[in-house]
Protein backbone atom coordinates (compact mmCIF):
# COMPACT_ATOMS: atom_id res chain seq x y z
CA MET A 1 0.00 0.00 0.00
CA SER A 2 1.63 3.24 -1.16
CA ILE A 3 0.81 6.83 -0.24
CA PHE A 4 1.78 10.09 -1.93
CA VAL A 5 1.32 13.38 -0.08
CA ASP A 6 1.96 16.88 -1.46
CA ILE A 7 -0.18 19.39 0.41
CA GLU A 8 -0.26 22.92 1.75
CA LYS A 9 -2.37 24.19 4.65
CA LYS A 10 -2.27 27.65 6.23
CA LEU A 11 -3.33 27.94 9.87
CA GLY A 12 -2.96 31.53 11.07
CA SER A 13 0.71 32.43 10.82
CA PHE A 14 1.71 28.77 10.37
CA THR A 15 1.97 27.16 6.93
CA LEU A 16 2.23 23.41 6.41
CA GLN A 17 4.00 22.33 3.22
CA SER A 18 4.27 18.57 3.51
CA LYS A 19 5.52 16.37 0.68
CA PHE A 20 6.57 12.70 0.85
CA SER A 21 5.76 9.23 -0.41
CA VAL A 22 5.77 5.87 1.38
CA ASN A 23 5.34 2.32 0.12
CA ASN A 24 4.53 -0.55 2.50
CA GLU A 25 6.75 0.55 5.35
CA THR A 26 6.62 2.54 8.57
CA LEU A 27 7.52 6.20 8.15
CA SER A 28 8.00 8.38 11.22
CA LEU A 29 7.51 12.13 11.20
CA LEU A 30 10.04 13.41 13.74
CA GLY A 31 9.94 16.98 14.95
CA GLU A 32 9.31 19.34 17.82
CA SER A 33 5.78 20.12 18.98
CA GLY A 34 4.01 22.47 16.58
CA CYS A 35 6.07 21.60 13.51
CA GLY A 36 3.11 20.13 11.57
CA LYS A 37 3.33 16.39 12.28
CA SER A 38 -0.18 15.87 13.61
CA ILE A 39 -1.80 18.23 11.10
CA THR A 40 -0.24 16.16 8.32
CA LEU A 41 -1.92 13.02 9.72
CA ARG A 42 -5.25 14.82 10.07
CA CYS A 43 -5.09 15.95 6.45
CA ILE A 44 -4.46 12.37 5.32
CA ALA A 45 -7.33 11.07 7.46
CA GLY A 46 -9.74 13.71 6.13
CA LEU A 47 -10.19 15.50 9.46
CA VAL A 48 -8.55 18.67 8.10
CA LYS A 49 -8.90 19.86 4.52
CA PRO A 50 -5.67 21.12 2.90
CA ASP A 51 -5.80 24.42 1.03
CA LYS A 52 -4.23 22.80 -2.00
CA GLY A 53 -2.33 19.76 -3.14
CA ARG A 54 -2.90 16.05 -3.59
CA ILE A 55 -3.13 12.90 -1.43
CA VAL A 56 -3.20 9.49 -3.14
CA VAL A 57 -3.23 6.02 -1.56
CA ASP A 58 -2.39 3.41 -4.20
CA ASP A 59 -4.58 4.57 -7.10
CA LYS A 60 -7.26 6.05 -4.87
CA VAL A 61 -7.28 9.85 -4.80
CA PHE A 62 -8.14 11.07 -1.30
CA PHE A 63 -7.70 14.74 -2.08
CA ASP A 64 -6.95 16.79 -5.17
CA SER A 65 -7.50 20.53 -5.07
CA ASN A 66 -7.31 20.88 -8.87
CA GLN A 67 -9.84 18.13 -9.52
CA LYS A 68 -12.06 19.19 -6.57
CA ILE A 69 -11.76 15.76 -4.94
CA ASN A 70 -12.06 15.50 -1.15
CA LEU A 71 -13.16 12.07 0.08
CA THR A 72 -14.93 11.77 3.42
CA VAL A 73 -13.24 10.16 6.43
CA GLN A 74 -15.32 7.02 5.86
CA GLU A 75 -14.42 6.80 2.17
CA ARG A 76 -10.70 7.01 2.89
CA ARG A 77 -10.51 3.85 5.06
CA THR A 78 -7.69 5.17 7.21
CA GLY A 79 -7.14 4.05 10.78
CA MET A 80 -5.99 6.85 13.06
CA LEU A 81 -4.85 6.34 16.64
CA PHE A 82 -5.11 9.62 18.55
CA GLN A 83 -2.84 10.68 21.42
CA HIS A 84 -5.57 10.08 24.00
CA TYR A 85 -7.25 7.26 22.04
CA ALA A 86 -10.69 8.95 21.62
CA LEU A 87 -12.69 6.12 23.22
CA PHE A 88 -16.35 6.88 23.96
CA PRO A 89 -16.63 7.09 27.77
CA ASN A 90 -20.32 6.10 27.84
CA MET A 91 -19.73 2.88 25.90
CA SER A 92 -18.18 -0.39 27.00
CA VAL A 93 -14.95 -1.70 25.52
CA TYR A 94 -16.97 -4.16 23.45
CA ASN A 95 -19.25 -1.50 22.03
CA ASN A 96 -16.35 0.87 21.36
CA ILE A 97 -14.75 -1.81 19.21
CA MET A 98 -18.08 -2.65 17.59
CA LEU A 99 -18.11 0.89 16.16
CA GLY A 100 -15.20 -0.10 13.97
CA THR A 101 -17.33 -2.69 12.14
CA LYS A 102 -20.04 -0.35 10.88
CA ARG A 103 -19.06 -0.92 7.24
CA GLU A 104 -20.20 -4.54 7.69
CA VAL A 105 -23.99 -4.82 7.40
CA VAL A 106 -24.44 -8.43 8.60
CA LYS A 107 -24.78 -8.37 12.38
CA SER A 108 -23.44 -11.89 12.95
CA ILE A 109 -20.28 -11.09 10.98
CA ARG A 110 -19.79 -7.87 12.95
CA LYS A 111 -19.98 -9.82 16.20
CA LYS A 112 -17.54 -12.42 14.90
CA LEU A 113 -15.05 -9.73 13.90
CA VAL A 114 -15.23 -8.09 17.33
CA ASP A 115 -14.89 -11.39 19.19
CA GLU A 116 -11.83 -12.30 17.12
CA ILE A 117 -10.03 -8.99 17.62
CA ILE A 118 -10.80 -8.95 21.36
CA THR A 119 -9.21 -12.39 21.65
CA LYS A 120 -6.22 -11.33 19.55
CA PHE A 121 -5.56 -8.28 21.74
CA ASN A 122 -6.11 -10.26 24.94
CA ILE A 123 -8.76 -7.90 26.31
CA SER A 124 -11.66 -10.36 26.81
CA ASP A 125 -11.57 -9.77 30.57
CA ILE A 126 -12.32 -6.04 30.16
CA ALA A 127 -14.84 -6.31 27.29
CA ASN A 128 -17.70 -5.10 29.51
CA SER A 129 -15.68 -2.41 31.27
CA TYR A 130 -15.80 1.29 30.49
CA PRO A 131 -12.77 3.38 29.42
CA ASN A 132 -12.43 5.19 32.76
CA LYS A 133 -12.15 1.82 34.54
CA ILE A 134 -9.21 0.48 32.56
CA SER A 135 -5.52 1.42 32.43
CA GLY A 136 -3.81 3.58 29.83
CA GLY A 137 -2.20 0.53 28.27
CA GLN A 138 -5.55 -1.24 28.04
CA GLN A 139 -7.10 1.86 26.49
CA GLN A 140 -4.43 1.80 23.79
CA ARG A 141 -5.14 -1.86 23.02
CA VAL A 142 -8.87 -1.12 22.77
CA ALA A 143 -8.27 1.84 20.46
CA LEU A 144 -6.00 -0.24 18.22
CA ALA A 145 -8.51 -3.07 18.18
CA ARG A 146 -11.27 -0.65 17.12
CA ILE A 147 -9.08 0.66 14.31
CA LEU A 148 -7.92 -2.71 12.99
CA VAL A 149 -11.35 -4.35 13.09
CA SER A 150 -12.37 -1.80 10.44
CA LYS A 151 -9.68 -3.20 8.10
CA PRO A 152 -8.03 0.12 7.21
CA ASP A 153 -5.81 0.59 4.19
CA ILE A 154 -3.32 2.75 6.07
CA LEU A 155 -2.49 3.22 9.76
CA LEU A 156 -1.84 6.69 11.26
CA LEU A 157 -0.35 6.81 14.78
CA ASP A 158 -0.32 10.21 16.48
CA GLU A 159 2.11 10.05 19.44
CA PRO A 160 0.51 6.87 20.84
CA PHE A 161 2.75 6.76 23.91
CA SER A 162 2.44 10.37 25.06
CA ALA A 163 -0.38 9.61 27.52
CA LEU A 164 1.42 6.66 29.14
CA ASP A 165 3.67 6.41 32.16
CA SER A 166 7.27 5.63 31.27
CA HIS A 167 7.23 2.17 32.85
CA LEU A 168 4.38 1.12 30.51
CA LYS A 169 5.86 2.46 27.30
CA PHE A 170 8.44 -0.23 26.55
CA LYS A 171 6.00 -3.13 26.89
CA LEU A 172 3.33 -1.41 24.80
CA GLU A 173 5.92 -0.38 22.24
CA ARG A 174 6.81 -4.04 21.72
CA GLU A 175 3.12 -4.84 21.32
CA LEU A 176 2.69 -2.04 18.80
CA ILE A 177 5.66 -3.30 16.77
CA ASN A 178 3.96 -6.71 16.55
CA THR A 179 0.73 -5.01 15.48
CA ILE A 180 2.56 -3.05 12.76
CA ASN A 181 4.25 -6.23 11.51
CA ASP A 182 0.90 -8.03 11.34
CA PHE A 183 -0.68 -5.06 9.56
CA SER A 184 1.86 -5.34 6.70
CA LYS A 185 0.80 -2.08 5.06
CA THR A 186 1.89 1.54 5.21
CA VAL A 187 2.09 3.08 8.69
CA ILE A 188 2.80 6.75 9.46
CA PHE A 189 3.98 7.34 13.01
CA VAL A 190 4.29 10.75 14.67
CA SER A 191 6.62 11.44 17.58
CA HIS A 192 9.19 13.84 18.99
CA ASN A 193 10.99 10.98 20.77
CA ARG A 194 14.02 9.85 18.77
CA ASP A 195 14.32 6.46 20.50
CA GLU A 196 10.70 5.51 19.80
CA VAL A 197 11.10 6.64 16.21
CA TYR A 198 14.25 4.61 15.67
CA ARG A 199 12.80 1.41 17.13
CA LEU A 200 9.47 1.62 15.31
CA SER A 201 10.40 3.00 11.89
CA ASP A 202 11.84 1.91 8.60
CA SER A 203 12.23 5.50 7.38
CA ILE A 204 12.21 8.91 9.04
CA ALA A 205 11.16 12.37 7.87
CA ILE A 206 12.65 15.28 9.84
CA MET A 207 10.18 18.18 10.13
CA LYS A 208 10.58 21.84 11.07
CA ASN A 209 8.23 24.79 10.69
CA GLY A 210 5.75 22.86 8.57
CA MET A 211 8.27 21.44 6.10
CA ILE A 212 10.19 18.19 5.71
CA GLU A 213 13.93 18.91 5.84
CA GLN A 214 15.15 15.38 5.22
CA ILE A 215 13.65 11.96 4.55
CA GLY A 216 15.39 8.61 4.27
CA LYS A 217 16.09 5.26 5.87
CA LYS A 218 16.43 5.63 9.62
CA GLU A 219 20.07 4.50 9.70
CA GLU A 220 21.08 7.13 7.14
CA VAL A 221 19.08 9.95 8.77
CA PHE A 222 20.69 9.25 12.16
CA LYS A 223 24.18 8.82 10.69
CA ASN A 224 24.06 11.85 8.41
CA PRO A 225 21.48 14.43 9.47
CA ARG A 226 21.60 17.26 6.95
CA THR A 227 20.47 20.13 9.19
CA LYS A 228 21.14 21.39 12.72
CA ASN A 229 17.53 20.62 13.57
CA GLY A 230 17.96 17.06 12.31
CA ALA A 231 21.16 16.64 14.32
CA LEU A 232 19.45 17.88 17.49
CA LEU A 233 16.36 15.72 16.96
CA THR A 234 18.49 12.62 16.46
CA GLY A 235 20.28 13.25 19.73
CA CYS A 236 23.45 15.17 18.87
CA LYS A 237 24.37 17.45 21.78
CA ASN A 238 27.63 18.98 20.50
CA ILE A 239 27.03 21.29 17.53
CA SER A 240 29.17 24.18 16.28
CA ASP A 241 29.34 26.40 13.22
CA VAL A 242 32.67 26.13 11.45
CA THR A 243 35.10 28.00 9.22
CA ILE A 244 36.58 25.82 6.46
CA LEU A 245 40.39 25.82 6.55
CA SER A 246 41.03 23.17 3.87
CA GLU A 247 39.28 20.27 2.18
CA ASN A 248 39.56 18.17 5.33
CA LYS A 249 40.06 20.67 8.16
CA VAL A 250 37.70 23.12 9.91
CA LEU A 251 37.87 25.60 12.76
CA THR A 252 34.97 25.30 15.20
CA ASP A 253 33.38 28.56 16.34
CA GLU A 254 31.99 27.26 19.64
CA TRP A 255 35.00 25.27 20.81
CA GLY A 256 37.89 27.13 19.15
CA ILE A 257 39.58 23.92 18.05
CA GLU A 258 40.60 22.67 14.63
CA LEU A 259 39.10 19.35 13.57
CA GLU A 260 40.17 17.02 10.80
CA VAL A 261 37.06 15.74 9.02
CA ASP A 262 36.32 13.09 6.42
CA LYS A 263 36.78 15.06 3.18
CA ILE A 264 34.55 12.73 1.16
CA ARG A 265 31.74 12.87 3.71
CA CYS A 266 31.99 16.63 4.19
CA ASN A 267 32.80 17.53 0.60
CA GLY A 268 34.22 20.97 1.46
CA HIS A 269 30.80 22.64 1.67
CA ILE A 270 29.85 22.39 5.33
CA LYS A 271 28.62 25.12 7.65
CA SER A 272 28.48 23.20 10.93
CA VAL A 273 29.65 20.01 12.59
CA GLY A 274 28.06 17.75 15.17
CA ILE A 275 29.67 15.27 17.55
CA ARG A 276 27.58 12.78 19.49
CA LEU A 277 28.47 12.35 23.16
CA HIS A 278 29.18 8.63 22.81
CA ASP A 279 31.46 9.12 19.76
CA ILE A 280 34.09 10.98 21.78
CA LYS A 281 36.71 8.50 22.98
CA ILE A 282 37.84 9.16 26.54
CA VAL A 283 41.40 7.89 26.91
CA TYR A 284 41.46 6.49 30.43
CA ASP A 285 43.93 3.71 29.44
CA LYS A 286 46.57 4.61 26.84
CA SER A 287 47.37 0.94 26.24
CA LEU A 288 44.01 0.73 24.45
CA TYR A 289 45.17 3.44 22.04
CA PRO A 290 48.84 2.62 21.30
CA ASN A 291 49.03 4.97 18.28
CA ILE A 292 47.08 7.83 19.76
CA GLU A 293 49.88 10.38 19.32
CA SER A 294 49.63 9.98 15.54
CA GLU A 295 45.83 10.19 15.47
CA PRO A 296 43.99 13.40 14.48
CA ASN A 297 41.64 15.27 16.79
CA VAL A 298 43.34 14.36 20.08
CA PHE A 299 42.95 16.95 22.83
CA GLN A 300 43.95 17.38 26.47
CA CYS A 301 40.95 18.57 28.48
CA LYS A 302 39.89 19.68 31.91
CA ILE A 303 36.57 18.53 33.35
CA SER A 304 34.39 21.56 34.07
CA GLU A 305 31.33 19.59 35.14
CA LYS A 306 30.42 15.97 35.84
CA ILE A 307 26.71 15.16 35.36
CA GLU A 308 25.44 11.88 36.80
CA ASN A 309 22.92 9.97 34.69
CA THR A 310 21.22 6.67 35.53
CA PHE A 311 23.94 4.43 34.09
CA SER A 312 26.60 6.88 32.93
CA TYR A 313 28.21 10.25 33.47
CA THR A 314 28.21 13.17 31.07
CA LEU A 315 31.49 15.05 31.27
CA MET A 316 31.63 18.70 30.19
CA LEU A 317 35.14 19.31 28.90
CA ASN A 318 37.27 22.38 28.22
CA VAL A 319 40.23 21.90 25.90
CA ILE A 320 43.38 23.11 27.66
CA GLY A 321 44.91 26.22 26.14
CA VAL A 322 41.84 27.12 24.09
CA ASN A 323 39.32 29.90 24.72
CA MET A 324 36.03 27.99 24.32
CA LYS A 325 32.57 29.55 24.16
CA THR A 326 30.97 26.31 25.32
CA PRO A 327 32.45 23.05 26.63
CA ILE A 328 32.26 19.75 24.72
CA GLY A 329 30.13 16.99 26.21
CA ALA A 330 31.22 13.34 26.33
CA THR A 331 29.74 10.31 28.02
CA ILE A 332 31.38 7.55 30.03
CA GLY A 333 29.96 4.49 31.75
CA LYS A 334 29.84 4.50 35.54
CA GLU A 335 32.05 1.43 35.63
CA PHE A 336 34.87 3.43 34.00
CA VAL A 337 34.50 6.81 35.67
CA ASN A 338 36.83 5.93 38.55
CA LYS A 339 39.61 5.29 36.01
CA ILE A 340 39.86 8.91 34.95
CA ASN A 341 41.61 11.78 36.63
CA ASP A 342 39.13 14.09 38.32
CA ASN A 343 40.63 17.19 36.75
CA GLU A 344 42.30 16.33 33.46
CA LEU A 345 41.97 13.74 30.69
CA GLN A 346 42.68 13.11 27.03
CA ILE A 347 40.02 12.67 24.36
CA MET A 348 40.01 11.56 20.75
CA ILE A 349 37.33 12.48 18.21
CA PRO A 350 37.35 10.02 15.26
CA LYS A 351 36.99 12.01 12.06
CA ASP A 352 34.54 9.50 10.55
CA SER A 353 32.16 10.09 13.47
CA ILE A 354 31.94 13.86 12.92
CA ILE A 355 28.57 14.88 11.45
CA CYS A 356 28.97 17.39 8.63
CA ILE A 357 26.05 19.77 8.22
């Protein structure tokens, strides 16, 4: 099941200009709140009418401003899971799911479909309960069951974990992955959480201010984000504008240090660089790096701050002898932190790990 989207929608001072295509995979729209992710889903579902453009699923035209086509929500056969699930509070779990079968006119078949999906989602014991009497995780299962019993052509997931406590998210995420795999059609997933996006997606579209900045396979988008926004959204904490010194060397504005970069990867046309915390090698044992003196991007640093995380420390580092605007962050496991000097250490930044923007 393929989908093509090329739409524009103006909402006050905000303009959505969303364009992408997906074919039988899970695409995540990753961006900060207010960037246009959810509006894009609502336009696809038929809940919001774009000002202009075109939406096509396989050969079925959902919307075409030139041809004056705008199918109803029912005609589109999309399944949309809302952030807070949109269950009817005055209806039991069973009857909420039954609403998803209204395209089927034969009552006995409708009942059979509901019974089957309730068994599949393991919610038989709460079938007669009401939404306010069941947990957030159970509400999500009910909402998904109601969607899938309608046999949608495409699945739209709008931040499905935002209403859940953190201890529930991992378990329900695994369940959702199984649901997506069973669905075997196009899924569009919206989130601002990079870890959820990476685990659930095949491809990722980075959004900002109503537009898609980059789209591609998740591994490529995380390895080579093409914008500062993309680098930040994929978890890069160290970012600096640069001045190009040569085809493989730059001067960083924030840190005041020269870095050797991969000239093929950076291609001499970069404006900024990014370094992920975990890519900085902290040299606590020089025997592990016997040739370190001949390696590029090796710096002697002082620790300006040590931030304790659950299973690691983030070290904020100032390069000795350099006037830095901001320190560089690096991470180290708690099991290794006692091996470093409290005041001074050596780091190495592999040039092939430097993100060129």
